[in-house]
Amino acid sequence: MAYKNVGSIKQRGNSPRHNEHNAKGSSENPFGKSESKAELLARMKAAAELRKEKK
């Protein structure tokens, strides 16, 4: 009997099971494209105002 063939299936290692739709380097999220700090702050402030209005 070949005992090395008995047992569970080997794991794939560190590779993901599927590709994310917004993975780095994809068309939706290209490398090197990042927003400036001012744009980030503006987006965060707008989100904070929305939360204040909902209360």
N, C-alpha and C. Protein backbone atom coordinates (compact mmCIF):
# COMPACT_ATOMS: atom_id res chain seq x y z
N MET A 1 0.85 -1.19 0.00
CA MET A 1 0.00 0.00 0.00
C MET A 1 0.88 1.24 0.00
N ALA A 2 0.50 2.23 -0.79
CA ALA A 2 1.27 3.47 -0.87
C ALA A 2 0.74 4.43 0.19
N TYR A 3 1.44 4.50 1.33
CA TYR A 3 0.96 5.32 2.44
C TYR A 3 1.08 6.82 2.18
N LYS A 4 1.95 7.21 1.26
CA LYS A 4 2.08 8.65 0.99
C LYS A 4 0.85 9.21 0.29
N ASN A 5 0.06 8.36 -0.36
CA ASN A 5 -1.13 8.83 -1.06
C ASN A 5 -2.37 8.86 -0.17
N VAL A 6 -2.24 8.42 1.06
CA VAL A 6 -3.38 8.39 1.98
C VAL A 6 -3.38 9.69 2.78
N GLY A 7 -4.56 10.26 3.01
CA GLY A 7 -4.64 11.46 3.85
C GLY A 7 -5.37 12.58 3.16
N SER A 8 -5.30 13.73 3.77
CA SER A 8 -6.04 14.87 3.25
C SER A 8 -5.30 15.51 2.08
N ILE A 9 -6.02 16.36 1.38
CA ILE A 9 -5.46 17.08 0.24
C ILE A 9 -4.49 18.13 0.73
N LYS A 10 -3.41 18.32 0.03
CA LYS A 10 -2.42 19.32 0.41
C LYS A 10 -2.97 20.73 0.23
N GLN A 11 -2.64 21.61 1.15
CA GLN A 11 -3.06 23.01 1.05
C GLN A 11 -2.27 23.70 -0.07
N ARG A 12 -2.82 24.81 -0.55
CA ARG A 12 -2.20 25.54 -1.66
C ARG A 12 -1.11 26.49 -1.21
N GLY A 13 -0.81 26.58 0.06
CA GLY A 13 0.21 27.50 0.52
C GLY A 13 -0.39 28.86 0.79
N ASN A 14 0.32 29.91 0.44
CA ASN A 14 -0.12 31.27 0.72
C ASN A 14 -0.95 31.89 -0.39
N SER A 15 -1.16 31.19 -1.48
CA SER A 15 -1.90 31.79 -2.58
C SER A 15 -3.39 31.83 -2.24
N PRO A 16 -4.08 32.92 -2.59
CA PRO A 16 -5.51 33.03 -2.28
C PRO A 16 -6.33 32.09 -3.15
N ARG A 17 -7.53 31.76 -2.69
CA ARG A 17 -8.41 30.87 -3.44
C ARG A 17 -9.03 31.56 -4.65
N HIS A 18 -9.13 32.89 -4.60
CA HIS A 18 -9.73 33.63 -5.70
C HIS A 18 -9.11 35.03 -5.75
N ASN A 19 -9.32 35.73 -6.83
CA ASN A 19 -8.82 37.10 -6.99
C ASN A 19 -9.86 38.08 -6.49
N GLU A 20 -9.42 39.09 -5.76
CA GLU A 20 -10.32 40.12 -5.30
C GLU A 20 -10.65 41.07 -6.44
N HIS A 21 -11.85 41.65 -6.43
CA HIS A 21 -12.24 42.54 -7.52
C HIS A 21 -11.49 43.87 -7.48
N ASN A 22 -10.96 44.25 -6.32
CA ASN A 22 -10.25 45.52 -6.21
C ASN A 22 -8.81 45.30 -5.74
N ALA A 23 -8.19 44.24 -6.21
CA ALA A 23 -6.83 43.92 -5.80
C ALA A 23 -5.85 44.96 -6.33
N LYS A 24 -4.74 45.14 -5.63
CA LYS A 24 -3.70 46.07 -6.07
C LYS A 24 -3.19 45.65 -7.44
N GLY A 25 -3.06 46.61 -8.34
CA GLY A 25 -2.57 46.33 -9.67
C GLY A 25 -3.64 46.00 -10.68
N SER A 26 -4.90 45.91 -10.25
CA SER A 26 -5.98 45.63 -11.18
C SER A 26 -6.42 46.93 -11.85
N SER A 27 -7.35 46.82 -12.77
CA SER A 27 -7.80 48.03 -13.48
C SER A 27 -8.54 48.98 -12.54
N GLU A 28 -9.20 48.44 -11.52
CA GLU A 28 -9.94 49.28 -10.58
C GLU A 28 -9.02 49.96 -9.56
N ASN A 29 -7.86 49.35 -9.28
CA ASN A 29 -6.97 49.87 -8.25
C ASN A 29 -5.52 49.74 -8.75
N PRO A 30 -5.10 50.57 -9.71
CA PRO A 30 -3.75 50.42 -10.27
C PRO A 30 -2.67 50.79 -9.27
N PHE A 31 -1.47 50.26 -9.49
CA PHE A 31 -0.33 50.59 -8.64
C PHE A 31 0.02 52.06 -8.79
N GLY A 32 0.49 52.68 -7.72
CA GLY A 32 0.95 54.06 -7.77
C GLY A 32 -0.16 55.08 -7.71
N LYS A 33 -1.41 54.65 -7.68
CA LYS A 33 -2.51 55.60 -7.64
C LYS A 33 -2.99 55.70 -6.19
N SER A 34 -2.64 56.80 -5.55
CA SER A 34 -3.10 56.99 -4.18
C SER A 34 -3.55 58.43 -4.02
N GLU A 35 -4.54 58.63 -3.18
CA GLU A 35 -5.06 59.97 -3.01
C GLU A 35 -4.14 60.78 -2.11
N SER A 36 -4.18 62.10 -2.29
CA SER A 36 -3.36 62.96 -1.45
C SER A 36 -3.97 63.05 -0.06
N LYS A 37 -3.19 63.59 0.87
CA LYS A 37 -3.67 63.70 2.24
C LYS A 37 -4.88 64.63 2.32
N ALA A 38 -4.89 65.69 1.50
CA ALA A 38 -6.01 66.63 1.50
C ALA A 38 -7.30 65.94 1.03
N GLU A 39 -7.19 65.11 -0.01
CA GLU A 39 -8.36 64.38 -0.49
C GLU A 39 -8.87 63.40 0.56
N LEU A 40 -7.94 62.74 1.25
CA LEU A 40 -8.32 61.79 2.29
C LEU A 40 -9.03 62.51 3.43
N LEU A 41 -8.50 63.64 3.87
CA LEU A 41 -9.13 64.41 4.94
C LEU A 41 -10.51 64.89 4.54
N ALA A 42 -10.66 65.35 3.31
CA ALA A 42 -11.96 65.82 2.84
C ALA A 42 -12.98 64.68 2.86
N ARG A 43 -12.55 63.49 2.43
CA ARG A 43 -13.46 62.34 2.41
C ARG A 43 -13.84 61.93 3.83
N MET A 44 -12.88 61.97 4.76
CA MET A 44 -13.17 61.61 6.15
C MET A 44 -14.10 62.62 6.81
N LYS A 45 -13.90 63.92 6.52
CA LYS A 45 -14.77 64.95 7.09
C LYS A 45 -16.18 64.82 6.56
N ALA A 46 -16.33 64.52 5.27
CA ALA A 46 -17.65 64.35 4.69
C ALA A 46 -18.36 63.16 5.32
N ALA A 47 -17.63 62.07 5.59
CA ALA A 47 -18.23 60.90 6.22
C ALA A 47 -18.64 61.23 7.67
N ALA A 48 -17.84 62.02 8.36
CA ALA A 48 -18.17 62.40 9.73
C ALA A 48 -19.43 63.28 9.77
N GLU A 49 -19.55 64.18 8.80
CA GLU A 49 -20.74 65.03 8.73
C GLU A 49 -21.98 64.19 8.46
N LEU A 50 -21.87 63.20 7.60
CA LEU A 50 -22.99 62.31 7.31
C LEU A 50 -23.45 61.59 8.57
N ARG A 51 -22.48 61.10 9.35
CA ARG A 51 -22.83 60.39 10.59
C ARG A 51 -23.51 61.34 11.58
N LYS A 52 -23.06 62.60 11.63
CA LYS A 52 -23.68 63.58 12.54
C LYS A 52 -25.12 63.88 12.12
N GLU A 53 -25.35 63.97 10.81
CA GLU A 53 -26.70 64.28 10.31
C GLU A 53 -27.67 63.14 10.57
N LYS A 54 -27.18 61.90 10.55
CA LYS A 54 -28.06 60.75 10.74
C LYS A 54 -28.54 60.64 12.19
N LYS A 55 -27.81 61.20 13.14
CA LYS A 55 -28.18 61.07 14.56
C LYS A 55 -29.28 62.00 14.93
